[in-house]
C-alpha atoms as a PDB file:
ATOM      1  CA  MET A   1     125.802 -18.004  49.623  1.00  0.00           C
ATOM      2  CA  ILE A   2     125.262 -15.031  47.253  1.00  0.00           C
ATOM      3  CA  TYR A   3     122.022 -14.903  45.169  1.00  0.00           C
ATOM      4  CA  GLN A   4     121.929 -12.759  42.039  1.00  0.00           C
ATOM      5  CA  LYS A   5     118.506 -11.246  41.419  1.00  0.00           C
ATOM      6  CA  ARG A   6     117.227 -11.654  37.838  1.00  0.00           C
ATOM      7  CA  GLN A   7     116.630  -8.292  36.239  1.00  0.00           C
ATOM      8  CA  LYS A   8     112.972  -7.734  35.145  1.00  0.00           C
ATOM      9  CA  GLY A   9     112.260  -6.956  31.594  1.00  0.00           C
ATOM     10  CA  LEU A  10     112.781  -8.402  28.065  1.00  0.00           C
ATOM     11  CA  THR A  11     116.044  -9.467  26.587  1.00  0.00           C
ATOM     12  CA  LEU A  12     116.756  -8.252  23.035  1.00  0.00           C
ATOM     13  CA  LEU A  13     116.053 -11.606  21.705  1.00  0.00           C
ATOM     14  CA  GLU A  14     112.659 -11.706  23.294  1.00  0.00           C
ATOM     15  CA  LEU A  15     111.851  -8.226  22.077  1.00  0.00           C
ATOM     16  CA  LEU A  16     112.841  -9.127  18.480  1.00  0.00           C
ATOM     17  CA  VAL A  17     110.570 -12.169  18.605  1.00  0.00           C
ATOM     18  CA  SER A  18     107.733 -10.088  19.952  1.00  0.00           C
ATOM     19  CA  LEU A  19     108.173  -7.507  17.142  1.00  0.00           C
ATOM     20  CA  ALA A  20     108.160 -10.281  14.534  1.00  0.00           C
ATOM     21  CA  ILE A  21     104.941 -11.750  15.938  1.00  0.00           C
ATOM     22  CA  VAL A  22     103.279  -8.234  15.920  1.00  0.00           C
ATOM     23  CA  ALA A  23     104.565  -7.722  12.323  1.00  0.00           C
ATOM     24  CA  MET A  24     103.040 -11.107  11.169  1.00  0.00           C
ATOM     25  CA  ILE A  25      99.723 -10.375  12.824  1.00  0.00           C
ATOM     26  CA  GLY A  26      99.588  -6.913  11.147  1.00  0.00           C
ATOM     27  CA  LEU A  27     100.517  -8.297   7.697  1.00  0.00           C
ATOM     28  CA  ALA A  28      97.812 -11.021   8.089  1.00  0.00           C
ATOM     29  CA  THR A  29      95.204  -8.523   9.235  1.00  0.00           C
ATOM     30  CA  ALA A  30      96.158  -6.129   6.398  1.00  0.00           C
ATOM     31  CA  TYR A  31      95.940  -9.055   3.766  1.00  0.00           C
ATOM     32  CA  THR A  32      92.536 -10.155   5.093  1.00  0.00           C
ATOM     33  CA  LEU A  33      91.195  -6.485   4.924  1.00  0.00           C
ATOM     34  CA  ARG A  34      92.482  -6.122   1.494  1.00  0.00           C
ATOM     35  CA  ASN A  35      90.847  -9.186   0.332  1.00  0.00           C
ATOM     36  CA  SER A  36      87.600  -8.234   1.888  1.00  0.00           C
ATOM     37  CA  ILE A  37      87.622  -4.695   0.225  1.00  0.00           C
ATOM     38  CA  VAL A  38      88.403  -6.404  -3.204  1.00  0.00           C
ATOM     39  CA  SER A  39      85.627  -9.012  -2.649  1.00  0.00           C
ATOM     40  CA  GLU A  40      83.153  -6.457  -1.720  1.00  0.00           C
ATOM     41  CA  ALA A  41      84.042  -4.325  -4.735  1.00  0.00           C
ATOM     42  CA  ARG A  42      83.686  -7.415  -7.064  1.00  0.00           C
ATOM     43  CA  ILE A  43      80.329  -8.246  -5.429  1.00  0.00           C
ATOM     44  CA  THR A  44      79.075  -4.677  -6.010  1.00  0.00           C
ATOM     45  CA  GLU A  45      80.384  -4.539  -9.473  1.00  0.00           C
ATOM     46  CA  ARG A  46      78.559  -7.933 -10.391  1.00  0.00           C
ATOM     47  CA  ALA A  47      75.445  -6.730  -8.657  1.00  0.00           C
ATOM     48  CA  GLU A  48      75.341  -3.558 -10.649  1.00  0.00           C
ATOM     49  CA  GLY A  49      76.073  -5.347 -13.675  1.00  0.00           C
ATOM     50  CA  LEU A  50      73.203  -7.862 -13.174  1.00  0.00           C
ATOM     51  CA  GLN A  51      70.880  -4.978 -12.387  1.00  0.00           C
ATOM     52  CA  MET A  52      71.875  -3.227 -15.697  1.00  0.00           C
ATOM     53  CA  LEU A  53      71.405  -6.454 -17.535  1.00  0.00           C
ATOM     54  CA  ASP A  54      67.962  -6.977 -16.114  1.00  0.00           C
ATOM     55  CA  TYR A  55      67.030  -3.378 -16.936  1.00  0.00           C
ATOM     56  CA  ALA A  56      68.156  -3.652 -20.583  1.00  0.00           C
ATOM     57  CA  LEU A  57      66.155  -6.904 -21.029  1.00  0.00           C
ATOM     58  CA  SER A  58      63.154  -5.411 -19.357  1.00  0.00           C
ATOM     59  CA  VAL A  59      63.192  -2.396 -21.665  1.00  0.00           C
ATOM     60  CA  LEU A  60      63.641  -4.566 -24.764  1.00  0.00           C
ATOM     61  CA  ARG A  61      60.803  -6.900 -23.596  1.00  0.00           C
ATOM     62  CA  LEU A  62      58.420  -4.019 -22.962  1.00  0.00           C
ATOM     63  CA  ASP A  63      59.141  -2.380 -26.342  1.00  0.00           C
ATOM     64  CA  LEU A  64      58.535  -5.633 -28.145  1.00  0.00           C
ATOM     65  CA  GLU A  65      55.287  -6.392 -26.168  1.00  0.00           C
ATOM     66  CA  GLN A  66      53.862  -3.097 -27.246  1.00  0.00           C
ATOM     67  CA  ALA A  67      54.927  -3.465 -30.992  1.00  0.00           C
ATOM     68  CA  ILE A  68      52.150  -2.859 -33.426  1.00  0.00           C
ATOM     69  CA  ALA A  69      51.822  -3.849 -37.079  1.00  0.00           C
ATOM     70  CA  ARG A  70      52.428  -0.487 -38.527  1.00  0.00           C
ATOM     71  CA  PRO A  71      54.519  -0.131 -41.631  1.00  0.00           C
ATOM     72  CA  PHE A  72      57.301   2.582 -41.666  1.00  0.00           C
ATOM     73  CA  LYS A  73      60.180   3.830 -43.776  1.00  0.00           C
ATOM     74  CA  ASP A  74      63.213   1.725 -43.683  1.00  0.00           C
ATOM     75  CA  GLU A  75      66.826   2.910 -42.861  1.00  0.00           C
ATOM     76  CA  LEU A  76      67.276   4.037 -46.494  1.00  0.00           C
ATOM     77  CA  GLY A  77      64.156   6.226 -46.283  1.00  0.00           C
ATOM     78  CA  LYS A  78      62.098   3.934 -48.484  1.00  0.00           C
ATOM     79  CA  GLY A  79      58.640   2.983 -47.794  1.00  0.00           C
ATOM     80  CA  SER A  80      58.181  -0.593 -46.372  1.00  0.00           C
ATOM     81  CA  SER A  81      55.128  -2.804 -46.242  1.00  0.00           C
ATOM     82  CA  GLN A  82      56.240  -4.577 -43.102  1.00  0.00           C
ATOM     83  CA  PRO A  83      56.051  -3.362 -39.456  1.00  0.00           C
ATOM     84  CA  LEU A  84      59.250  -4.661 -38.184  1.00  0.00           C
ATOM     85  CA  ILE A  85      62.782  -4.864 -39.805  1.00  0.00           C
ATOM     86  CA  GLY A  86      65.269  -7.002 -37.916  1.00  0.00           C
ATOM     87  CA  TYR A  87      68.588  -8.638 -38.630  1.00  0.00           C
ATOM     88  CA  HIS A  88      70.659 -11.341 -36.972  1.00  0.00           C
ATOM     89  CA  ASP A  89      73.781  -9.489 -35.991  1.00  0.00           C
ATOM     90  CA  GLU A  90      75.659  -6.184 -36.800  1.00  0.00           C
ATOM     91  CA  VAL A  91      76.884  -5.471 -40.288  1.00  0.00           C
ATOM     92  CA  PRO A  92      79.065  -2.475 -41.093  1.00  0.00           C
ATOM     93  CA  GLY A  93      77.115   0.224 -42.856  1.00  0.00           C
ATOM     94  CA  ARG A  94      73.662  -0.988 -41.481  1.00  0.00           C
ATOM     95  CA  ALA A  95      71.879   1.545 -39.284  1.00  0.00           C
ATOM     96  CA  HIS A  96      70.305  -0.860 -36.852  1.00  0.00           C
ATOM     97  CA  LEU A  97      69.663  -4.421 -35.864  1.00  0.00           C
ATOM     98  CA  LEU A  98      65.974  -4.033 -35.007  1.00  0.00           C
ATOM     99  CA  SER A  99      63.452  -1.475 -35.818  1.00  0.00           C
ATOM    100  CA  PHE A 100      59.639  -1.165 -35.256  1.00  0.00           C
ATOM    101  CA  VAL A 101      56.811   0.941 -34.196  1.00  0.00           C
ATOM    102  CA  LYS A 102      55.289   0.609 -30.667  1.00  0.00           C
ATOM    103  CA  THR A 103      52.493   2.160 -28.666  1.00  0.00           C
ATOM    104  CA  GLY A 104      52.126   2.911 -24.954  1.00  0.00           C
ATOM    105  CA  ARG A 105      54.334   6.040 -25.032  1.00  0.00           C
ATOM    106  CA  ARG A 106      53.425   8.151 -21.959  1.00  0.00           C
ATOM    107  CA  THR A 107      51.773  11.575 -22.563  1.00  0.00           C
ATOM    108  CA  LEU A 108      50.256  14.131 -20.470  1.00  0.00           C
ATOM    109  CA  PRO A 109      46.553  13.633 -19.553  1.00  0.00           C
ATOM    110  CA  ALA A 110      45.505  16.826 -21.440  1.00  0.00           C
ATOM    111  CA  SER A 111      47.568  15.777 -24.527  1.00  0.00           C
ATOM    112  CA  ILE A 112      44.525  14.462 -26.519  1.00  0.00           C
ATOM    113  CA  HIS A 113      45.961  15.027 -30.122  1.00  0.00           C
ATOM    114  CA  VAL A 114      49.490  13.844 -29.270  1.00  0.00           C
ATOM    115  CA  SER A 115      50.319  10.325 -30.668  1.00  0.00           C
ATOM    116  CA  ARG A 116      51.174   7.528 -28.326  1.00  0.00           C
ATOM    117  CA  LEU A 117      53.048   5.867 -31.077  1.00  0.00           C
ATOM    118  CA  GLU A 118      57.019   5.664 -30.941  1.00  0.00           C
ATOM    119  CA  HIS A 119      59.510   4.443 -33.352  1.00  0.00           C
ATOM    120  CA  VAL A 120      62.164   2.394 -31.815  1.00  0.00           C
ATOM    121  CA  SER A 121      65.467   0.996 -33.102  1.00  0.00           C
ATOM    122  CA  TYR A 122      68.247  -1.097 -31.530  1.00  0.00           C
ATOM    123  CA  TYR A 123      71.871  -1.084 -32.624  1.00  0.00           C
ATOM    124  CA  PHE A 124      75.220  -2.444 -31.460  1.00  0.00           C
ATOM    125  CA  SER A 125      78.419  -0.461 -31.538  1.00  0.00           C
ATOM    126  CA  ASP A 126      81.495  -0.181 -29.556  1.00  0.00           C
ATOM    127  CA  ASN A 127      80.596  -3.126 -27.271  1.00  0.00           C
ATOM    128  CA  LYS A 128      77.275  -1.318 -26.352  1.00  0.00           C
ATOM    129  CA  LEU A 129      73.664  -1.903 -27.008  1.00  0.00           C
ATOM    130  CA  PHE A 130      72.008   1.480 -27.974  1.00  0.00           C
ATOM    131  CA  ARG A 131      68.217   2.302 -28.041  1.00  0.00           C
ATOM    132  CA  SER A 132      67.085   5.020 -30.393  1.00  0.00           C
ATOM    133  CA  SER A 133      63.561   6.283 -30.280  1.00  0.00           C
ATOM    134  CA  SER A 134      61.508   9.031 -31.829  1.00  0.00           C
ATOM    135  CA  THR A 135      57.949  10.414 -31.107  1.00  0.00           C
ATOM    136  CA  VAL A 136      57.565  10.441 -34.872  1.00  0.00           C
ATOM    137  CA  PRO A 137      56.404   6.958 -35.987  1.00  0.00           C
ATOM    138  CA  THR A 138      58.447   7.627 -39.309  1.00  0.00           C
ATOM    139  CA  PRO A 139      61.245   9.931 -38.430  1.00  0.00           C
ATOM    140  CA  LEU A 140      62.447  12.001 -41.541  1.00  0.00           C
ATOM    141  CA  ASP A 141      66.062  12.173 -40.329  1.00  0.00           C
ATOM    142  CA  ASP A 142      68.385  11.071 -37.450  1.00  0.00           C
ATOM    143  CA  SER A 143      67.986  14.384 -35.662  1.00  0.00           C
ATOM    144  CA  GLN A 144      64.447  13.310 -34.555  1.00  0.00           C
ATOM    145  CA  ASN A 145      65.754  10.367 -32.543  1.00  0.00           C
ATOM    146  CA  THR A 146      66.832  10.234 -28.981  1.00  0.00           C
ATOM    147  CA  LYS A 147      69.665   7.835 -28.458  1.00  0.00           C
ATOM    148  CA  ARG A 148      70.938   6.300 -25.175  1.00  0.00           C
ATOM    149  CA  VAL A 149      73.318   3.465 -24.155  1.00  0.00           C
ATOM    150  CA  LEU A 150      71.134   0.620 -22.859  1.00  0.00           C
ATOM    151  CA  LEU A 151      73.885  -1.809 -21.929  1.00  0.00           C
ATOM    152  CA  SER A 152      77.674  -1.910 -21.959  1.00  0.00           C
ATOM    153  CA  GLY A 153      80.300  -4.555 -21.615  1.00  0.00           C
ATOM    154  CA  LEU A 154      78.977  -6.596 -24.583  1.00  0.00           C
ATOM    155  CA  LYS A 155      80.896  -8.796 -27.069  1.00  0.00           C
ATOM    156  CA  SER A 156      78.018  -9.227 -29.520  1.00  0.00           C
ATOM    157  CA  VAL A 157      74.232  -9.105 -29.829  1.00  0.00           C
ATOM    158  CA  ARG A 158      72.158 -11.426 -31.929  1.00  0.00           C
ATOM    159  CA  PHE A 159      68.470 -11.484 -32.739  1.00  0.00           C
ATOM    160  CA  TYR A 160      66.240 -14.433 -34.058  1.00  0.00           C
ATOM    161  CA  TYR A 161      62.649 -14.070 -35.144  1.00  0.00           C
ATOM    162  CA  TYR A 162      60.129 -16.762 -35.006  1.00  0.00           C
ATOM    163  CA  ASP A 163      57.272 -17.338 -37.480  1.00  0.00           C
ATOM    164  CA  SER A 164      56.761 -21.011 -38.469  1.00  0.00           C
ATOM    165  CA  GLY A 165      60.375 -21.490 -37.352  1.00  0.00           C
ATOM    166  CA  TRP A 166      63.345 -19.335 -36.199  1.00  0.00           C
ATOM    167  CA  ASN A 167      64.777 -16.957 -38.783  1.00  0.00           C
ATOM    168  CA  GLU A 168      67.964 -14.861 -38.779  1.00  0.00           C
ATOM    169  CA  GLU A 169      66.416 -11.922 -40.547  1.00  0.00           C
ATOM    170  CA  TRP A 170      63.061 -10.197 -40.792  1.00  0.00           C
ATOM    171  CA  SER A 171      64.322  -7.785 -43.423  1.00  0.00           C
ATOM    172  CA  VAL A 172      63.014  -5.879 -46.476  1.00  0.00           C
ATOM    173  CA  TYR A 173      64.713  -8.529 -48.667  1.00  0.00           C
ATOM    174  CA  LYS A 174      62.220 -11.027 -47.337  1.00  0.00           C
ATOM    175  CA  VAL A 175      59.023  -9.145 -46.908  1.00  0.00           C
ATOM    176  CA  GLN A 176      56.873 -10.017 -44.009  1.00  0.00           C
ATOM    177  CA  ALA A 177      53.727  -7.928 -43.698  1.00  0.00           C
ATOM    178  CA  HIS A 178      53.119  -9.086 -40.154  1.00  0.00           C
ATOM    179  CA  LEU A 179      54.929  -8.971 -36.926  1.00  0.00           C
ATOM    180  CA  PRO A 180      56.935 -12.227 -35.910  1.00  0.00           C
ATOM    181  CA  LYS A 181      55.439 -14.276 -33.273  1.00  0.00           C
ATOM    182  CA  ALA A 182      58.396 -13.969 -30.973  1.00  0.00           C
ATOM    183  CA  VAL A 183      61.834 -12.525 -30.965  1.00  0.00           C
ATOM    184  CA  ARG A 184      64.902 -14.084 -29.353  1.00  0.00           C
ATOM    185  CA  VAL A 185      67.774 -11.936 -28.112  1.00  0.00           C
ATOM    186  CA  VAL A 186      71.241 -13.467 -27.280  1.00  0.00           C
ATOM    187  CA  LEU A 187      73.743 -11.072 -25.407  1.00  0.00           C
ATOM    188  CA  ASP A 188      77.185 -12.216 -25.195  1.00  0.00           C
ATOM    189  CA  THR A 189      78.406 -10.387 -22.136  1.00  0.00           C
ATOM    190  CA  GLU A 190      81.898  -9.949 -20.773  1.00  0.00           C
ATOM    191  CA  MET A 191      80.674 -10.573 -17.204  1.00  0.00           C
ATOM    192  CA  TRP A 192      78.075 -13.300 -17.491  1.00  0.00           C
ATOM    193  CA  GLY A 193      78.717 -15.003 -20.779  1.00  0.00           C
ATOM    194  CA  GLU A 194      75.894 -15.651 -23.222  1.00  0.00           C
ATOM    195  CA  VAL A 195      72.382 -14.655 -21.876  1.00  0.00           C
ATOM    196  CA  SER A 196      69.321 -15.182 -23.913  1.00  0.00           C
ATOM    197  CA  GLN A 197      65.550 -14.186 -23.669  1.00  0.00           C
ATOM    198  CA  VAL A 198      62.523 -15.190 -25.806  1.00  0.00           C
ATOM    199  CA  ILE A 199      59.966 -12.419 -26.033  1.00  0.00           C
ATOM    200  CA  LEU A 200      56.489 -13.034 -27.317  1.00  0.00           C
ATOM    201  CA  LEU A 201      54.950 -10.372 -29.562  1.00  0.00           C
ATOM    202  CA  PRO A 202      51.209  -9.290 -29.658  1.00  0.00           C
ATOM    203  CA  GLU A 203      49.181 -11.011 -32.312  1.00  0.00           C
ATOM    204  CA  THR A 204      47.063  -7.902 -33.147  1.00  0.00           C
ATOM    205  CA  SER A 205      47.385  -6.268 -36.449  1.00  0.00           C
ATOM    206  CA  ASP A 206      45.626  -2.986 -35.594  1.00  0.00           C
ATOM    207  CA  ALA A 207      47.669   0.187 -36.047  1.00  0.00           C
END
């Protein structure tokens, strides 16, 4: 009886099946890796966004906690008897949402005759919250202000002012010769939705 020896190796069909399996494994690995990279990028983006949001609220809170009852000129250059001018939301033609004088500006130890007062304004434009500050408590013109973006990716910014109740304005049209007891800021963000914070202001009236 004659026996035929089976040749060692893969047939064409077996080779095609092996290649298909390897290709499927490669595609699955690439898909998993891509998803991991995208997820990591999203987590990083959200973490950075949360960090910037926390920073912006911290700056605003620190500014308001150092506010003092010192009258200053309004956005039209007219003298005002109130220490804080604030509005509810942005209106075309209005220079700022919130404006006041604060103390606590850092100076060099030898700067005895340098004022620690600072004029601060906040305004909303192009989906960004801006902070404008001047070492002159009552700046004569816009060139004396230092402006910077505090937070981007915003849909809107709203402020409320508490005295005996919540008010939408603390403006020259309704003169208040004292600081509000608290300010509430509502940030409508593209990433986190609405985020709000209530900030208590100092009760002192000393300049």
